[in-house]
Amino acid sequence: MQRPQIFVGRRKTSVARVRLVPGTGAVTVNKQSFEKYFPTDYHRREITKPLELVEALDKYDVIANVRGGGRSGQAGAIRLGIARALLRLDRDNHDPLKKARMFTRDPRMVERKKYGQPKARKRFQFSKR
């Protein structure tokens, strides 16, 4: 028996492990329904966008485990994982997903705080005298 493949998506400090299995379109995130895990409509649309683009919204069930970061980073990580899984399932999905920039890993992360400064770029107040 072949194990289902797991695809990884990342954004900011979030890492999502995503599996697509043939089903009815149910999305499960960390063993919860994704309506419960992501209460905002924006995040739900973000996650289902790759499935809508290839018209596979009701063909696959999504099982995702996600850690780290906040809700927006987690939603972006799951979206990338779903896009990668759809590409592996069918090469014909490449063009619509690529055109919508679903394979782009958003590299923006929080800049580290530097010593001698209160924040990453903010300086202490300068005093001439």
C-alpha atoms as a PDB file:
ATOM      1  CA  MET A   1       0.000   0.000   0.000  1.00  0.00           C
ATOM      2  CA  GLN A   2       1.347   3.391  -0.984  1.00  0.00           C
ATOM      3  CA  ARG A   3       1.469   6.164   1.611  1.00  0.00           C
ATOM      4  CA  PRO A   4      -0.224   9.418   0.592  1.00  0.00           C
ATOM      5  CA  GLN A   5       2.290  12.080  -0.297  1.00  0.00           C
ATOM      6  CA  ILE A   6       2.731  15.048   2.009  1.00  0.00           C
ATOM      7  CA  PHE A   7       3.535  18.459   0.562  1.00  0.00           C
ATOM      8  CA  VAL A   8       5.148  21.262   2.525  1.00  0.00           C
ATOM      9  CA  GLY A   9       4.197  24.922   2.286  1.00  0.00           C
ATOM     10  CA  ARG A  10       5.873  27.761   4.171  1.00  0.00           C
ATOM     11  CA  ARG A  11       5.196  31.440   4.819  1.00  0.00           C
ATOM     12  CA  LYS A  12       6.844  33.708   7.399  1.00  0.00           C
ATOM     13  CA  THR A  13       7.507  31.314  10.287  1.00  0.00           C
ATOM     14  CA  SER A  14       4.608  28.953   9.513  1.00  0.00           C
ATOM     15  CA  VAL A  15       5.118  25.455   8.141  1.00  0.00           C
ATOM     16  CA  ALA A  16       2.199  23.436   6.761  1.00  0.00           C
ATOM     17  CA  ARG A  17       2.159  19.748   5.846  1.00  0.00           C
ATOM     18  CA  VAL A  18      -0.661  19.118   3.387  1.00  0.00           C
ATOM     19  CA  ARG A  19      -2.228  15.917   2.013  1.00  0.00           C
ATOM     20  CA  LEU A  20      -4.843  15.786  -0.743  1.00  0.00           C
ATOM     21  CA  VAL A  21      -7.086  12.731  -0.823  1.00  0.00           C
ATOM     22  CA  PRO A  22     -10.004  12.119  -3.203  1.00  0.00           C
ATOM     23  CA  GLY A  23     -13.210  13.212  -1.483  1.00  0.00           C
ATOM     24  CA  THR A  24     -15.948  15.809  -1.276  1.00  0.00           C
ATOM     25  CA  GLY A  25     -14.023  19.014  -0.593  1.00  0.00           C
ATOM     26  CA  ALA A  26     -13.728  18.900   3.205  1.00  0.00           C
ATOM     27  CA  VAL A  27     -10.787  20.861   4.614  1.00  0.00           C
ATOM     28  CA  THR A  28      -9.313  19.791   7.962  1.00  0.00           C
ATOM     29  CA  VAL A  29      -6.651  21.861   9.720  1.00  0.00           C
ATOM     30  CA  ASN A  30      -4.966  20.428  12.830  1.00  0.00           C
ATOM     31  CA  LYS A  31      -7.807  17.893  13.218  1.00  0.00           C
ATOM     32  CA  GLN A  32     -10.441  20.669  13.268  1.00  0.00           C
ATOM     33  CA  SER A  33     -12.789  21.836  10.539  1.00  0.00           C
ATOM     34  CA  PHE A  34     -11.240  24.771   8.777  1.00  0.00           C
ATOM     35  CA  GLU A  35     -14.318  26.923   9.467  1.00  0.00           C
ATOM     36  CA  LYS A  36     -13.547  26.550  13.162  1.00  0.00           C
ATOM     37  CA  TYR A  37      -9.768  26.989  12.837  1.00  0.00           C
ATOM     38  CA  PHE A  38      -9.972  29.990  10.471  1.00  0.00           C
ATOM     39  CA  PRO A  39     -12.988  32.075  11.568  1.00  0.00           C
ATOM     40  CA  THR A  40     -12.376  34.836   8.998  1.00  0.00           C
ATOM     41  CA  ASP A  41     -13.657  34.483   5.464  1.00  0.00           C
ATOM     42  CA  TYR A  42     -10.462  35.999   4.021  1.00  0.00           C
ATOM     43  CA  HIS A  43      -8.287  33.145   5.281  1.00  0.00           C
ATOM     44  CA  ARG A  44     -10.743  30.515   4.060  1.00  0.00           C
ATOM     45  CA  ARG A  45     -10.783  32.027   0.556  1.00  0.00           C
ATOM     46  CA  GLU A  46      -6.974  32.209   0.607  1.00  0.00           C
ATOM     47  CA  ILE A  47      -6.735  28.484   1.347  1.00  0.00           C
ATOM     48  CA  THR A  48      -9.280  27.349  -1.258  1.00  0.00           C
ATOM     49  CA  LYS A  49      -7.982  29.635  -4.041  1.00  0.00           C
ATOM     50  CA  PRO A  50      -5.733  26.972  -5.698  1.00  0.00           C
ATOM     51  CA  LEU A  51      -8.610  24.463  -5.692  1.00  0.00           C
ATOM     52  CA  GLU A  52     -10.939  27.037  -7.291  1.00  0.00           C
ATOM     53  CA  LEU A  53      -8.413  27.874 -10.011  1.00  0.00           C
ATOM     54  CA  VAL A  54      -8.210  24.261 -11.198  1.00  0.00           C
ATOM     55  CA  GLU A  55     -11.931  23.625 -10.535  1.00  0.00           C
ATOM     56  CA  ALA A  56     -11.232  20.842  -8.026  1.00  0.00           C
ATOM     57  CA  LEU A  57     -13.054  22.304  -5.029  1.00  0.00           C
ATOM     58  CA  ASP A  58     -15.302  19.278  -4.551  1.00  0.00           C
ATOM     59  CA  LYS A  59     -12.905  16.591  -5.828  1.00  0.00           C
ATOM     60  CA  TYR A  60     -10.379  16.434  -2.986  1.00  0.00           C
ATOM     61  CA  ASP A  61     -10.328  16.522   0.795  1.00  0.00           C
ATOM     62  CA  VAL A  62      -7.490  18.566   2.284  1.00  0.00           C
ATOM     63  CA  ILE A  63      -5.793  17.405   5.479  1.00  0.00           C
ATOM     64  CA  ALA A  64      -3.324  19.963   6.809  1.00  0.00           C
ATOM     65  CA  ASN A  65      -1.102  20.140   9.869  1.00  0.00           C
ATOM     66  CA  VAL A  66       0.296  23.596  10.463  1.00  0.00           C
ATOM     67  CA  ARG A  67       2.623  25.037  13.093  1.00  0.00           C
ATOM     68  CA  GLY A  68       4.205  28.369  13.887  1.00  0.00           C
ATOM     69  CA  GLY A  69       3.365  31.936  13.033  1.00  0.00           C
ATOM     70  CA  GLY A  70      -0.074  33.519  13.039  1.00  0.00           C
ATOM     71  CA  ARG A  71      -3.258  32.821  11.137  1.00  0.00           C
ATOM     72  CA  SER A  72      -2.294  34.703   7.949  1.00  0.00           C
ATOM     73  CA  GLY A  73       1.065  32.963   7.712  1.00  0.00           C
ATOM     74  CA  GLN A  74      -0.564  29.601   8.332  1.00  0.00           C
ATOM     75  CA  ALA A  75      -3.198  30.222   5.649  1.00  0.00           C
ATOM     76  CA  GLY A  76      -0.470  31.181   3.148  1.00  0.00           C
ATOM     77  CA  ALA A  77       1.551  28.089   4.019  1.00  0.00           C
ATOM     78  CA  ILE A  78      -1.455  25.801   3.500  1.00  0.00           C
ATOM     79  CA  ARG A  79      -2.210  27.514   0.178  1.00  0.00           C
ATOM     80  CA  LEU A  80       1.320  26.819  -1.093  1.00  0.00           C
ATOM     81  CA  GLY A  81       1.130  23.194   0.058  1.00  0.00           C
ATOM     82  CA  ILE A  82      -2.187  22.681  -1.751  1.00  0.00           C
ATOM     83  CA  ALA A  83      -0.812  24.248  -4.946  1.00  0.00           C
ATOM     84  CA  ARG A  84       2.223  21.939  -4.874  1.00  0.00           C
ATOM     85  CA  ALA A  85       0.000  18.902  -4.298  1.00  0.00           C
ATOM     86  CA  LEU A  86      -2.296  19.840  -7.206  1.00  0.00           C
ATOM     87  CA  LEU A  87       0.726  20.180  -9.474  1.00  0.00           C
ATOM     88  CA  ARG A  88       1.921  16.680  -8.562  1.00  0.00           C
ATOM     89  CA  LEU A  89      -1.549  15.229  -9.192  1.00  0.00           C
ATOM     90  CA  ASP A  90      -1.907  16.724 -12.667  1.00  0.00           C
ATOM     91  CA  ARG A  91       0.686  18.616 -14.733  1.00  0.00           C
ATOM     92  CA  ASP A  92      -2.140  20.426 -16.563  1.00  0.00           C
ATOM     93  CA  ASN A  93      -2.741  22.417 -13.374  1.00  0.00           C
ATOM     94  CA  HIS A  94       0.611  24.180 -13.781  1.00  0.00           C
ATOM     95  CA  ASP A  95      -0.420  27.022 -16.092  1.00  0.00           C
ATOM     96  CA  PRO A  96      -3.448  28.390 -14.174  1.00  0.00           C
ATOM     97  CA  LEU A  97      -1.651  28.072 -10.820  1.00  0.00           C
ATOM     98  CA  LYS A  98       1.550  29.663 -12.121  1.00  0.00           C
ATOM     99  CA  LYS A  99      -0.381  32.532 -13.695  1.00  0.00           C
ATOM    100  CA  ALA A 100      -2.057  33.231 -10.321  1.00  0.00           C
ATOM    101  CA  ARG A 101       1.387  33.079  -8.591  1.00  0.00           C
ATOM    102  CA  MET A 102       0.431  30.162  -6.338  1.00  0.00           C
ATOM    103  CA  PHE A 103       3.940  28.647  -6.376  1.00  0.00           C
ATOM    104  CA  THR A 104       5.656  31.792  -5.114  1.00  0.00           C
ATOM    105  CA  ARG A 105       6.974  31.328  -1.576  1.00  0.00           C
ATOM    106  CA  ASP A 106       6.372  34.656   0.182  1.00  0.00           C
ATOM    107  CA  PRO A 107       9.828  35.359   1.655  1.00  0.00           C
ATOM    108  CA  ARG A 108       8.875  38.254   3.942  1.00  0.00           C
ATOM    109  CA  MET A 109       9.862  37.616   7.539  1.00  0.00           C
ATOM    110  CA  VAL A 110      10.260  39.772  10.615  1.00  0.00           C
ATOM    111  CA  GLU A 111      13.665  41.424  10.732  1.00  0.00           C
ATOM    112  CA  ARG A 112      15.681  40.621  13.817  1.00  0.00           C
ATOM    113  CA  LYS A 113      16.248  43.172  16.577  1.00  0.00           C
ATOM    114  CA  LYS A 114      19.787  44.554  16.650  1.00  0.00           C
ATOM    115  CA  TYR A 115      21.752  45.273  19.796  1.00  0.00           C
ATOM    116  CA  GLY A 116      22.065  48.929  20.790  1.00  0.00           C
ATOM    117  CA  GLN A 117      18.651  49.687  19.272  1.00  0.00           C
ATOM    118  CA  PRO A 118      15.132  49.407  20.698  1.00  0.00           C
ATOM    119  CA  LYS A 119      13.822  47.560  17.585  1.00  0.00           C
ATOM    120  CA  ALA A 120      15.120  46.247  14.270  1.00  0.00           C
ATOM    121  CA  ARG A 121      15.588  49.659  12.624  1.00  0.00           C
ATOM    122  CA  LYS A 122      14.439  52.189  15.212  1.00  0.00           C
ATOM    123  CA  ARG A 123      17.264  54.111  16.901  1.00  0.00           C
ATOM    124  CA  PHE A 124      17.382  55.588  20.361  1.00  0.00           C
ATOM    125  CA  GLN A 125      16.684  59.325  20.443  1.00  0.00           C
ATOM    126  CA  PHE A 126      19.739  61.365  19.461  1.00  0.00           C
ATOM    127  CA  SER A 127      20.806  64.137  21.805  1.00  0.00           C
ATOM    128  CA  LYS A 128      23.396  66.658  20.689  1.00  0.00           C
ATOM    129  CA  ARG A 129      24.029  67.934  24.241  1.00  0.00           C
END
